[in-house]
Protein backbone atom coordinates (compact mmCIF):
# COMPACT_ATOMS: atom_id res chain seq x y z
CA MET A 1 -34.65 -36.05 50.19
CA ALA A 2 -31.10 -34.91 51.03
CA GLU A 3 -29.44 -37.66 49.17
CA ASP A 4 -31.03 -36.92 46.31
CA ARG A 5 -30.42 -33.13 45.75
CA LEU A 6 -26.96 -34.56 46.83
CA SER A 7 -26.94 -36.36 43.84
CA ARG A 8 -28.35 -33.84 41.63
CA LEU A 9 -25.72 -31.51 43.04
CA LYS A 10 -22.96 -33.81 41.82
CA ARG A 11 -24.28 -34.28 38.89
CA ALA A 12 -24.75 -30.45 37.82
CA LEU A 13 -21.12 -30.19 38.73
CA VAL A 14 -19.95 -32.72 36.46
CA ILE A 15 -21.60 -31.62 33.90
CA ILE A 16 -20.22 -27.74 34.35
CA GLY A 17 -16.65 -29.65 34.86
CA GLU A 18 -16.91 -31.44 31.72
CA LEU A 19 -17.80 -28.03 29.94
CA ALA A 20 -15.22 -25.98 30.98
CA ALA A 21 -12.66 -28.63 30.14
CA ALA A 22 -14.04 -28.61 26.52
CA LEU A 23 -14.16 -25.06 26.39
CA ALA A 24 -10.45 -25.13 27.56
CA ILE A 25 -9.97 -28.03 24.65
CA VAL A 26 -10.91 -25.86 22.09
CA ALA A 27 -9.38 -22.85 23.04
CA PHE A 28 -6.06 -24.83 23.60
CA PHE A 29 -6.31 -26.14 19.68
CA PHE A 30 -7.75 -22.46 18.46
CA ALA A 31 -4.89 -21.11 19.64
CA ILE A 32 -2.46 -23.83 17.88
CA PHE A 33 -4.39 -22.50 14.76
CA VAL A 34 -3.59 -18.92 14.98
CA GLY A 35 0.03 -19.85 15.71
CA ILE A 36 0.79 -22.13 12.53
CA TYR A 37 -1.35 -19.26 10.60
CA SER A 38 0.88 -16.54 11.52
CA ILE A 39 3.89 -18.77 11.10
CA SER A 40 2.98 -19.99 7.83
CA PHE A 41 1.47 -16.82 6.44
CA PRO A 42 3.41 -14.14 7.89
CA ASP A 43 3.10 -11.50 5.33
CA ALA A 44 -0.80 -11.67 5.03
CA THR A 45 -3.46 -9.68 7.31
CA GLY A 46 -4.04 -10.66 10.57
CA LEU A 47 -6.72 -13.24 11.60
CA GLY A 48 -9.03 -11.23 12.83
CA GLY A 49 -8.33 -8.43 10.05
CA PHE A 50 -9.09 -11.44 7.61
CA LEU A 51 -12.18 -11.97 9.04
CA ARG A 52 -13.22 -8.68 8.82
CA ASP A 53 -12.20 -7.58 5.36
CA THR A 54 -13.76 -10.64 3.69
CA GLY A 55 -17.21 -9.96 5.60
CA PRO A 56 -19.88 -8.62 3.81
CA GLY A 57 -20.11 -5.17 2.72
CA SER A 58 -16.01 -4.58 3.82
CA GLY A 59 -13.90 -3.55 1.59
CA GLY A 60 -11.00 -3.42 3.72
CA GLU A 61 -9.79 0.08 2.06
CA LEU A 62 -9.72 3.07 3.91
CA ASN A 63 -9.84 6.26 2.17
CA PHE A 64 -8.06 10.47 2.59
CA GLU A 65 -9.31 12.67 0.61
CA MET A 66 -6.93 15.27 -0.33
CA ASP A 67 -7.67 18.83 -1.90
CA GLY A 68 -4.65 19.69 -3.34
CA GLN A 69 -0.88 19.99 -1.47
CA PRO A 70 -0.12 22.94 0.30
CA GLU A 71 2.19 25.31 -0.94
CA ASP A 72 4.00 25.13 2.34
CA ALA A 73 4.14 21.74 2.06
CA SER A 74 7.65 20.16 2.67
CA PHE A 75 6.88 16.45 2.54
CA THR A 76 6.90 15.12 -1.31
CA ALA A 77 3.45 12.94 -1.15
CA LEU A 78 0.61 11.62 0.80
CA LEU A 79 -0.61 8.42 1.38
CA SER A 80 -4.61 8.59 0.24
CA SER A 81 -5.83 5.38 0.83
CA VAL A 82 -4.81 2.08 2.26
CA HIS A 83 -6.30 -1.46 1.35
CA HIS A 84 -5.49 -4.44 3.90
CA THR A 85 -1.77 -5.05 4.75
CA VAL A 86 0.32 -1.93 4.05
CA LYS A 87 3.73 -0.87 6.15
CA VAL A 88 5.44 2.40 5.68
CA LYS A 89 9.23 3.26 7.04
CA ALA A 90 11.13 6.54 6.76
CA ALA A 91 14.57 7.16 5.67
CA GLU A 92 16.09 6.41 9.08
CA GLY A 93 13.42 4.20 10.81
CA ILE A 94 13.73 0.66 11.48
CA VAL A 95 10.67 -0.42 11.84
CA TRP A 96 7.82 -0.81 9.73
CA SER A 97 4.95 0.59 10.65
CA ASN A 98 1.31 0.14 9.85
CA ALA A 99 0.38 2.87 6.87
CA GLU A 100 -2.34 5.02 7.66
CA PRO A 101 -4.44 7.08 5.65
CA GLY A 102 -3.45 11.00 5.27
CA ALA A 103 0.27 9.91 5.71
CA GLN A 104 2.92 12.65 4.81
CA LEU A 105 5.46 11.01 2.60
CA TYR A 106 9.14 12.41 2.83
CA ASP A 107 12.23 11.76 1.15
CA ARG A 108 13.41 8.09 1.01
CA HIS A 109 9.95 7.00 2.75
CA ALA A 110 9.66 3.48 1.53
CA VAL A 111 6.09 1.80 1.39
CA GLN A 112 5.19 -1.36 0.84
CA SER A 113 2.07 -3.34 0.21
CA TYR A 114 1.27 -7.26 0.83
CA ALA A 115 -1.14 -9.88 -0.10
CA ARG A 116 -4.06 -8.91 -1.51
CA SER A 117 -3.08 -5.27 -0.64
CA GLY A 118 -2.60 -2.03 -1.90
CA ALA A 119 -2.35 1.78 -1.74
CA THR A 120 -3.04 5.12 -3.73
CA ILE A 121 -0.36 7.46 -3.24
CA SER A 122 -0.89 11.14 -4.49
CA PHE A 123 0.90 14.26 -6.00
CA GLY A 124 -0.67 17.47 -5.34
CA LYS A 125 -3.64 17.42 -7.13
CA GLY A 126 -2.63 16.09 -10.39
CA GLY A 127 -0.78 13.00 -9.91
CA ARG A 128 -1.39 9.46 -7.82
CA LEU A 129 0.08 6.11 -8.11
CA ARG A 130 -1.73 2.93 -7.60
CA LEU A 131 0.30 0.75 -5.54
CA GLY A 132 -0.12 -2.88 -6.14
CA GLU A 133 0.11 -6.17 -3.65
CA ASN A 134 3.39 -7.32 -2.97
CA SER A 135 5.06 -3.85 -4.41
CA LEU A 136 7.57 -1.59 -2.79
CA VAL A 137 8.75 1.39 -3.49
CA VAL A 138 10.76 4.50 -2.32
CA ILE A 139 9.88 7.82 -2.56
CA ARG A 140 12.40 10.89 -2.95
CA GLU A 141 12.60 14.35 -2.28
CA ASN A 142 11.01 17.02 -4.50
CA ARG A 143 12.61 19.06 -6.84
CA ARG A 144 11.49 22.55 -7.26
CA ALA A 145 12.15 25.04 -10.23
CA ALA A 146 11.42 28.50 -8.55
CA ARG A 147 11.01 30.02 -12.53
CA SER A 148 9.23 27.60 -14.28
CA HIS A 149 6.74 26.89 -11.15
CA ARG A 150 7.74 23.02 -11.86
CA ARG A 151 7.86 20.13 -9.41
CA THR A 152 9.55 16.82 -9.95
CA SER A 153 9.30 13.71 -7.47
CA THR A 154 11.00 10.35 -8.29
CA ILE A 155 9.67 7.13 -7.17
CA VAL A 156 12.22 3.95 -7.15
CA LEU A 157 9.68 0.64 -8.04
CA LEU A 158 11.63 -2.17 -6.04
CA ASP A 159 9.59 -4.92 -6.64
CA GLY A 160 5.75 -5.53 -7.77
CA ALA A 161 3.78 -2.62 -9.92
CA LEU A 162 1.97 0.72 -9.61
CA HIS A 163 -0.27 1.92 -12.37
CA GLY A 164 -0.09 5.51 -12.26
CA GLU A 165 -2.36 8.74 -13.34
CA LEU A 166 -0.77 12.45 -14.38
CA SER A 167 -3.56 15.22 -14.95
CA PRO A 168 -2.23 18.68 -15.74
CA THR A 169 -3.76 21.22 -13.08
CA SER A 170 -3.39 25.51 -13.18
CA ASP A 171 -1.34 25.07 -9.62
CA GLU A 172 1.61 23.89 -10.96
CA ARG A 173 3.70 21.96 -13.30
CA LEU A 174 4.27 18.45 -11.96
CA THR A 175 7.00 15.71 -13.41
CA LEU A 176 7.27 11.82 -12.17
CA ASP A 177 9.91 10.00 -12.66
CA ILE A 178 9.72 6.26 -12.47
CA ALA A 179 12.63 4.57 -11.70
CA GLY A 180 12.96 0.84 -12.93
CA ALA A 181 15.66 -1.35 -12.62
CA THR A 182 17.61 0.05 -15.82
CA SER A 183 15.09 2.54 -17.16
CA THR A 184 12.64 5.73 -15.90
CA LEU A 185 10.18 6.88 -16.75
CA ARG A 186 9.24 10.40 -17.25
CA VAL A 187 5.78 12.11 -17.25
CA ASP A 188 4.95 15.49 -17.13
CA SER A 189 2.27 17.34 -16.60
CA ASP A 190 2.29 19.74 -19.19
CA SER A 191 0.01 17.64 -21.76
CA ASP A 192 -3.66 18.56 -22.11
CA ARG A 193 -4.43 15.70 -21.47
CA MET A 194 -4.39 12.40 -18.55
CA THR A 195 -1.56 10.93 -19.14
CA GLU A 196 -2.02 6.97 -17.89
CA PHE A 197 0.76 4.61 -17.32
CA LYS A 198 2.03 0.95 -15.75
CA VAL A 199 5.12 0.23 -14.42
CA THR A 200 6.55 -3.61 -13.46
CA ALA A 201 9.38 -4.50 -11.95
CA ASN A 202 9.77 -8.53 -12.90
CA PRO A 203 11.92 -11.13 -11.69
CA ASP A 204 14.75 -11.12 -13.92
CA ASP A 205 15.97 -7.70 -12.62
CA PHE A 206 14.27 -5.45 -15.58
CA SER A 207 11.50 -3.63 -15.62
CA THR A 208 8.12 -3.17 -17.80
CA PHE A 209 6.76 -0.06 -18.94
CA ALA A 210 3.47 0.86 -20.53
CA VAL A 211 1.11 4.01 -21.62
CA TYR A 212 -2.16 3.17 -21.86
CA ASN A 213 -3.20 7.14 -22.92
CA GLY A 214 -0.56 10.19 -23.27
CA ASN A 215 2.88 10.39 -24.13
CA ALA A 216 6.27 9.66 -21.98
CA SER A 217 9.61 9.45 -22.54
CA LEU A 218 11.71 6.56 -21.21
CA ARG A 219 15.26 7.30 -20.35
CA SER A 220 18.04 4.78 -20.12
CA ALA A 221 22.26 4.98 -20.48
CA GLU A 222 21.77 4.41 -24.01
CA GLY A 223 19.55 7.04 -24.53
CA THR A 224 15.80 8.54 -24.46
CA ILE A 225 12.59 7.04 -26.24
CA ASP A 226 9.49 8.73 -26.46
CA LEU A 227 6.09 6.37 -25.84
CA GLY A 228 2.94 7.65 -27.02
CA ARG A 229 -0.40 5.53 -26.42
CA ASN A 230 -0.03 2.04 -26.55
């Protein structure tokens, strides 16, 4: 009887050892897979975030509701939504950090989106820019004209594309200058309707400008061209 119990105990210990070894092997190869994934796709969403973002009912987007911009605000814009992997860097910063909805953007703040990612940047109540994937923009400081209550903000598009909307408001007169490689698209809120536009930075160091609604002007060293719908 004692020998039978000892034999069963030995078999149980062998089985437990085999299971532990199998789990260790699985964990080892999983760690190798994660390492290869991180090296192969350095700009992609992390594996855990990728699994969460593609799960049922998960859009992977964080939002910040903004009711205008405080009158005494010294910042230029707000990061109102973040979709998947978006990084920000301050003018004096060296390291890029994860973007958070509601982050205040100051002069020379850079915002970068990665694959399958994007962000929305808000300028007061009327201005909104949606940054596409694999895009990089730099926000420049506000220029304010006290008498006319006009505020001008410049956005430099270095890579990718952005889709913008500028609506008239009773609070202030807002002008957005979207600077491309050789030209700048100027959009004013003076119109009585919303202006909708898109700017794309092309690989050939030229930019593409499109106006879908309202009016804008395209400025370059050669002069100014008024752009209407389509």
